[in-house]
Structure formats: structure tokens, C-alpha cells
C-alpha atoms as a PDB file:
ATOM      1  CA  MET A   1       4.746  29.484 -94.086  1.00  0.00           C
ATOM      2  CA  ALA A   2       2.922  26.850 -96.058  1.00  0.00           C
ATOM      3  CA  ALA A   3       6.065  26.029 -97.527  1.00  0.00           C
ATOM      4  CA  ILE A   4       7.416  25.704 -93.736  1.00  0.00           C
ATOM      5  CA  ALA A   5       4.720  23.354 -92.875  1.00  0.00           C
ATOM      6  CA  ILE A   6       5.276  21.002 -95.755  1.00  0.00           C
ATOM      7  CA  LEU A   7       8.757  20.715 -95.183  1.00  0.00           C
ATOM      8  CA  SER A   8       7.856  19.725 -91.357  1.00  0.00           C
ATOM      9  CA  LEU A   9       5.512  17.155 -92.616  1.00  0.00           C
ATOM     10  CA  ALA A  10       8.145  15.935 -95.344  1.00  0.00           C
ATOM     11  CA  GLY A  11      10.672  15.627 -92.804  1.00  0.00           C
ATOM     12  CA  CYS A  12      13.997  18.039 -93.123  1.00  0.00           C
ATOM     13  CA  SER A  13      16.352  15.970 -94.209  1.00  0.00           C
ATOM     14  CA  ALA A  14      16.610  17.422 -97.632  1.00  0.00           C
ATOM     15  CA  LEU A  15      17.654  20.661 -96.338  1.00  0.00           C
ATOM     16  CA  VAL A  16      20.499  19.259 -93.815  1.00  0.00           C
ATOM     17  CA  SER A  17      22.519  16.812 -93.519  1.00  0.00           C
ATOM     18  CA  CYS A  18      21.359  13.727 -91.244  1.00  0.00           C
ATOM     19  CA  GLY A  19      24.017  14.365 -88.942  1.00  0.00           C
ATOM     20  CA  PHE A  20      27.702  12.920 -88.412  1.00  0.00           C
ATOM     21  CA  GLU A  21      28.739  12.065 -85.045  1.00  0.00           C
ATOM     22  CA  ARG A  22      27.474   8.476 -84.318  1.00  0.00           C
ATOM     23  CA  TRP A  23      24.463   9.161 -86.032  1.00  0.00           C
ATOM     24  CA  PRO A  24      23.723   5.770 -86.825  1.00  0.00           C
ATOM     25  CA  VAL A  25      23.775   5.385 -82.909  1.00  0.00           C
ATOM     26  CA  LYS A  26      21.481   8.394 -82.442  1.00  0.00           C
ATOM     27  CA  ASP A  27      18.571   7.061 -84.324  1.00  0.00           C
ATOM     28  CA  ALA A  28      18.358   3.443 -83.802  1.00  0.00           C
ATOM     29  CA  LEU A  29      19.916   2.439 -87.248  1.00  0.00           C
ATOM     30  CA  ASP A  30      23.545   0.810 -85.859  1.00  0.00           C
ATOM     31  CA  ARG A  31      24.018  -2.791 -86.066  1.00  0.00           C
ATOM     32  CA  ASP A  32      23.473  -3.096 -81.658  1.00  0.00           C
ATOM     33  CA  ALA A  33      19.899  -1.340 -82.211  1.00  0.00           C
ATOM     34  CA  GLY A  34      18.589  -4.850 -81.737  1.00  0.00           C
ATOM     35  CA  GLN A  35      19.721  -4.913 -78.241  1.00  0.00           C
ATOM     36  CA  ILE A  36      17.711  -1.937 -77.374  1.00  0.00           C
ATOM     37  CA  ASN A  37      15.147  -3.112 -74.525  1.00  0.00           C
ATOM     38  CA  LEU A  38      11.781  -0.919 -74.941  1.00  0.00           C
ATOM     39  CA  THR A  39      10.371  -1.905 -71.388  1.00  0.00           C
ATOM     40  CA  PRO A  40      11.352   2.280 -70.154  1.00  0.00           C
ATOM     41  CA  GLN A  41      13.189   2.267 -66.786  1.00  0.00           C
ATOM     42  CA  ASP A  42      11.980   5.228 -64.614  1.00  0.00           C
ATOM     43  CA  SER A  43      15.286   7.599 -63.734  1.00  0.00           C
ATOM     44  CA  THR A  44      16.138  10.961 -62.725  1.00  0.00           C
ATOM     45  CA  ILE A  45      18.074  13.863 -64.490  1.00  0.00           C
ATOM     46  CA  ALA A  46      20.384  13.159 -61.414  1.00  0.00           C
ATOM     47  CA  ALA A  47      20.716   9.542 -61.704  1.00  0.00           C
ATOM     48  CA  LEU A  48      21.681   9.602 -65.280  1.00  0.00           C
ATOM     49  CA  ILE A  49      24.372  12.269 -65.452  1.00  0.00           C
ATOM     50  CA  ALA A  50      25.922  10.047 -62.409  1.00  0.00           C
ATOM     51  CA  LEU A  51      26.373   7.698 -64.882  1.00  0.00           C
ATOM     52  CA  PRO A  52      29.945   6.561 -66.076  1.00  0.00           C
ATOM     53  CA  ALA A  53      31.031   8.227 -69.242  1.00  0.00           C
ATOM     54  CA  PRO A  54      32.957   6.254 -71.510  1.00  0.00           C
ATOM     55  CA  PRO A  55      36.129   8.303 -72.419  1.00  0.00           C
ATOM     56  CA  ALA A  56      35.651   9.012 -75.986  1.00  0.00           C
ATOM     57  CA  PRO A  57      31.834   8.097 -77.220  1.00  0.00           C
ATOM     58  CA  GLN A  58      33.071   8.883 -80.792  1.00  0.00           C
ATOM     59  CA  ALA A  59      34.962   6.220 -81.245  1.00  0.00           C
ATOM     60  CA  ARG A  60      32.050   4.244 -81.461  1.00  0.00           C
ATOM     61  CA  TYR A  61      30.395   5.294 -84.534  1.00  0.00           C
ATOM     62  CA  ASP A  62      27.714   2.606 -85.166  1.00  0.00           C
ATOM     63  CA  THR A  63      28.123   0.436 -82.016  1.00  0.00           C
ATOM     64  CA  ARG A  64      26.617   0.875 -78.714  1.00  0.00           C
ATOM     65  CA  TYR A  65      27.889   1.345 -75.420  1.00  0.00           C
ATOM     66  CA  PRO A  66      26.215  -1.567 -73.407  1.00  0.00           C
ATOM     67  CA  PRO A  67      24.317  -1.350 -70.806  1.00  0.00           C
ATOM     68  CA  ILE A  68      23.486   2.606 -70.688  1.00  0.00           C
ATOM     69  CA  GLU A  69      23.320   2.920 -74.395  1.00  0.00           C
ATOM     70  CA  THR A  70      20.987  -0.661 -74.550  1.00  0.00           C
ATOM     71  CA  VAL A  71      18.394   1.003 -72.059  1.00  0.00           C
ATOM     72  CA  VAL A  72      15.012   3.119 -72.827  1.00  0.00           C
ATOM     73  CA  TYR A  73      14.857   5.395 -69.688  1.00  0.00           C
ATOM     74  CA  ARG A  74      11.890   7.764 -69.178  1.00  0.00           C
ATOM     75  CA  VAL A  75      12.632  11.083 -66.902  1.00  0.00           C
ATOM     76  CA  TRP A  76      10.147  13.653 -65.809  1.00  0.00           C
ATOM     77  CA  GLY A  77      11.683  17.222 -65.924  1.00  0.00           C
ATOM     78  CA  ASP A  78      11.093  21.035 -66.788  1.00  0.00           C
ATOM     79  CA  LEU A  79      11.197  21.655 -70.186  1.00  0.00           C
ATOM     80  CA  LYS A  80      13.436  24.927 -70.591  1.00  0.00           C
ATOM     81  CA  ARG A  81      13.917  24.786 -74.312  1.00  0.00           C
ATOM     82  CA  VAL A  82      13.357  23.431 -77.819  1.00  0.00           C
ATOM     83  CA  SER A  83      15.531  24.302 -80.449  1.00  0.00           C
ATOM     84  CA  PHE A  84      15.395  23.351 -84.139  1.00  0.00           C
ATOM     85  CA  SER A  85      19.159  21.662 -85.114  1.00  0.00           C
ATOM     86  CA  ALA A  86      19.957  22.724 -88.841  1.00  0.00           C
ATOM     87  CA  ASP A  87      23.105  20.969 -88.750  1.00  0.00           C
ATOM     88  CA  ASP A  88      21.130  17.663 -88.116  1.00  0.00           C
ATOM     89  CA  GLY A  89      17.550  18.160 -88.460  1.00  0.00           C
ATOM     90  CA  ASP A  90      16.751  17.325 -84.746  1.00  0.00           C
ATOM     91  CA  TYR A  91      14.898  18.827 -82.519  1.00  0.00           C
ATOM     92  CA  HIS A  92      17.155  19.542 -79.210  1.00  0.00           C
ATOM     93  CA  LEU A  93      15.095  19.482 -76.013  1.00  0.00           C
ATOM     94  CA  ILE A  94      16.949  20.779 -72.990  1.00  0.00           C
ATOM     95  CA  LEU A  95      15.429  19.272 -69.540  1.00  0.00           C
ATOM     96  CA  ALA A  96      16.057  20.401 -66.264  1.00  0.00           C
ATOM     97  CA  ASP A  97      15.292  18.992 -62.602  1.00  0.00           C
ATOM     98  CA  GLY A  98      14.328  21.374 -59.675  1.00  0.00           C
ATOM     99  CA  ALA A  99      18.303  21.437 -58.551  1.00  0.00           C
ATOM    100  CA  GLY A 100      18.857  23.151 -61.873  1.00  0.00           C
ATOM    101  CA  ARG A 101      20.628  19.772 -63.508  1.00  0.00           C
ATOM    102  CA  THR A 102      20.303  19.613 -67.211  1.00  0.00           C
ATOM    103  CA  MET A 103      20.646  17.093 -69.888  1.00  0.00           C
ATOM    104  CA  VAL A 104      19.868  17.249 -73.811  1.00  0.00           C
ATOM    105  CA  VAL A 105      16.904  14.924 -75.253  1.00  0.00           C
ATOM    106  CA  GLU A 106      16.903  14.785 -78.841  1.00  0.00           C
ATOM    107  CA  ALA A 107      13.746  14.077 -81.150  1.00  0.00           C
ATOM    108  CA  PRO A 108      15.657  12.883 -84.690  1.00  0.00           C
ATOM    109  CA  ASP A 109      14.302  14.015 -88.123  1.00  0.00           C
ATOM    110  CA  PRO A 110      12.347  11.246 -89.048  1.00  0.00           C
ATOM    111  CA  GLY A 111      13.602  11.399 -92.630  1.00  0.00           C
ATOM    112  CA  CYS A 112      17.069  10.635 -91.444  1.00  0.00           C
ATOM    113  CA  ALA A 113      15.804   7.772 -89.553  1.00  0.00           C
ATOM    114  CA  GLN A 114      14.183   5.542 -92.208  1.00  0.00           C
ATOM    115  CA  GLY A 115      15.148   1.664 -91.740  1.00  0.00           C
ATOM    116  CA  SER A 116      15.281   2.325 -87.890  1.00  0.00           C
ATOM    117  CA  PHE A 117      12.683  -0.274 -85.936  1.00  0.00           C
ATOM    118  CA  LEU A 118      11.848   2.959 -83.864  1.00  0.00           C
ATOM    119  CA  ILE A 119      10.992   4.873 -86.630  1.00  0.00           C
ATOM    120  CA  ARG A 120       7.158   5.278 -85.835  1.00  0.00           C
ATOM    121  CA  GLN A 121       8.105   6.592 -82.459  1.00  0.00           C
ATOM    122  CA  ILE A 122      10.365   8.879 -83.934  1.00  0.00           C
ATOM    123  CA  GLY A 123       7.638  10.283 -86.046  1.00  0.00           C
ATOM    124  CA  GLU A 124       4.998  10.699 -83.343  1.00  0.00           C
ATOM    125  CA  VAL A 125       7.158  12.534 -81.212  1.00  0.00           C
ATOM    126  CA  ARG A 126       8.094  14.793 -83.749  1.00  0.00           C
ATOM    127  CA  ARG A 127       4.409  15.495 -85.044  1.00  0.00           C
ATOM    128  CA  GLN A 128       3.544  16.137 -81.069  1.00  0.00           C
ATOM    129  CA  ILE A 129       6.710  18.547 -80.542  1.00  0.00           C
ATOM    130  CA  GLU A 130       5.484  20.528 -83.833  1.00  0.00           C
ATOM    131  CA  VAL A 131       1.761  20.459 -83.080  1.00  0.00           C
ATOM    132  CA  ARG A 132       2.583  21.952 -79.649  1.00  0.00           C
ATOM    133  CA  PHE A 133       5.283  24.733 -80.741  1.00  0.00           C
ATOM    134  CA  HIS A 134       4.816  26.321 -84.113  1.00  0.00           C
ATOM    135  CA  SER A 135       7.973  27.950 -83.885  1.00  0.00           C
ATOM    136  CA  PHE A 136      11.804  27.184 -82.939  1.00  0.00           C
ATOM    137  CA  PRO A 137      13.886  28.357 -80.312  1.00  0.00           C
ATOM    138  CA  VAL A 138      11.077  28.458 -77.807  1.00  0.00           C
ATOM    139  CA  ASN A 139      11.404  28.295 -73.974  1.00  0.00           C
ATOM    140  CA  PRO A 140       8.150  26.676 -72.394  1.00  0.00           C
ATOM    141  CA  GLY A 141       9.191  26.129 -68.888  1.00  0.00           C
ATOM    142  CA  ILE A 142       6.470  23.744 -68.511  1.00  0.00           C
ATOM    143  CA  ARG A 143       6.370  19.815 -66.970  1.00  0.00           C
ATOM    144  CA  VAL A 144       7.187  17.097 -69.452  1.00  0.00           C
ATOM    145  CA  ARG A 145       7.778  13.395 -69.204  1.00  0.00           C
ATOM    146  CA  VAL A 146      10.323  11.872 -72.116  1.00  0.00           C
ATOM    147  CA  THR A 147      11.173   8.594 -72.719  1.00  0.00           C
ATOM    148  CA  GLY A 148      14.020   7.765 -74.524  1.00  0.00           C
ATOM    149  CA  VAL A 149      17.343   5.578 -75.311  1.00  0.00           C
ATOM    150  CA  GLY A 150      20.132   6.336 -73.340  1.00  0.00           C
ATOM    151  CA  PHE A 151      23.144   8.056 -75.433  1.00  0.00           C
ATOM    152  CA  PHE A 152      26.525   9.711 -74.792  1.00  0.00           C
ATOM    153  CA  ASP A 153      27.688  12.290 -77.280  1.00  0.00           C
ATOM    154  CA  ARG A 154      30.813  13.669 -77.086  1.00  0.00           C
ATOM    155  CA  ILE A 155      31.667  17.023 -74.896  1.00  0.00           C
ATOM    156  CA  HIS A 156      31.153  20.004 -76.449  1.00  0.00           C
ATOM    157  CA  ASP A 157      29.828  23.094 -76.247  1.00  0.00           C
ATOM    158  CA  VAL A 158      26.019  22.448 -76.341  1.00  0.00           C
ATOM    159  CA  VAL A 159      23.686  24.599 -73.827  1.00  0.00           C
ATOM    160  CA  GLY A 160      22.303  22.435 -71.168  1.00  0.00           C
ATOM    161  CA  GLN A 161      24.646  19.184 -72.105  1.00  0.00           C
ATOM    162  CA  ALA A 162      25.041  16.554 -69.438  1.00  0.00           C
ATOM    163  CA  PRO A 163      28.406  17.170 -67.770  1.00  0.00           C
ATOM    164  CA  ASN A 164      28.956  13.180 -68.865  1.00  0.00           C
ATOM    165  CA  GLY A 165      27.159  13.794 -72.117  1.00  0.00           C
ATOM    166  CA  ILE A 166      24.324  11.510 -71.268  1.00  0.00           C
ATOM    167  CA  GLU A 167      21.145  12.055 -73.619  1.00  0.00           C
ATOM    168  CA  LEU A 168      17.799  10.551 -74.559  1.00  0.00           C
ATOM    169  CA  HIS A 169      18.192  10.103 -78.273  1.00  0.00           C
ATOM    170  CA  PRO A 170      16.177   9.381 -79.594  1.00  0.00           C
ATOM    171  CA  ILE A 171      12.849  10.200 -77.870  1.00  0.00           C
ATOM    172  CA  VAL A 172      10.268   7.818 -78.268  1.00  0.00           C
ATOM    173  CA  GLU A 173       7.683   8.742 -76.146  1.00  0.00           C
ATOM    174  CA  ILE A 174       6.864  12.878 -74.844  1.00  0.00           C
ATOM    175  CA  GLU A 175       3.965  13.582 -72.541  1.00  0.00           C
ATOM    176  CA  TRP A 176       2.583  16.488 -71.426  1.00  0.00           C
ATOM    177  CA  PRO A 177       0.710  16.440 -68.075  1.00  0.00           C
ATOM    178  CA  ASN A 178      -2.363  17.817 -68.267  1.00  0.00           C
ATOM    179  CA  ASP A 179      -2.133  18.840 -71.919  1.00  0.00           C
ATOM    180  CA  THR A 180      -5.495  19.035 -74.150  1.00  0.00           C
ATOM    181  CA  ARG A 181      -4.357  19.336 -77.287  1.00  0.00           C
ATOM    182  CA  GLN A 182      -3.326  15.934 -77.738  1.00  0.00           C
END
């Protein structure tokens, strides 16, 4: 257990790959990262999954699809699942709205985001998730407000993925209403 805690604090990048599909964009390490407007725009899961997606997002490995991928969105949702991805070291969170629409939001491994201008926020979100949940996967079923950068992932077999592939990646803030543990 102590080894897991030490690895968690140090970042998991020593044990996992830092990703491959659009990894620079996912962690705000891409050449367009300076175009991200950090003023959050309130939105909903329904509105985000209705946005038009690029036909092949993976075609741009290290550049963004403006305007959607240069906006920080803030959404409320029911946190259905939190899991750890050994493939890239990210925490994958599935959010759902009252109508059952879902989307993925992700908290990347800070060890993989070194050099990102969002590294402080990425590290703080990871800390908050690790303080709240001590093992993964977990299905908390609690209401949260998540703020993160718009990102289009390719459509693939991922539980909870929005039909257009929209995600918030990286998460830059997570709020647990009525939580006294923070």
C-alpha cells in the first residue's frame, strides 16, 4: 500500500506510457495551447455532446480544433465512474446528466504533463481525486462540477464516451458540493 501511495504522489508516468493519440493536446502541451481561453464557460453535457465533431480528430496530433478545443467548459453531472487507465496514467471519469447522456472527462498524470501551462491545476485535480477515492475503479454516484478544456477524442470502444467524442481533457477543476473533506 505504501508503494502505491508513493507512486501516486510521484506520478505514474514511470510505470505507464504518457499516451499516444493527441497526447500533446490532451495535456495542453501542443503548439496551440496558448490559445486556450481560461475563463470557464458554463455548459451542459447535452450541449457539449451536440457540438459538431471533426471527422477524424486523430489527424491533428499536436494542434487543436478551434473554437471548441480552445474553450474551458464547466459542467455539472453525476459522477458515475472513476477509473485508472494503465495505458496512459489518466483518471477517467464518466459524467451523466439527468437524461442519461454521458461523456468522459479526464485527469492526466502530472508526470506526463510536465511543461504544460496547466500543470498546477492538473496536479491539484489529481490530488483531490486521490484524497476522495483510495482505490479504483469506483462508482460514486455523486453530483460534481467539472471544469476542463474541450477535447475531441476519436470514437472508439470506451464506456461513457459521448457520441461526438467530446471530452474535458485535462480537467482543471473539480468540485464536490457539500464536501467537508477538502
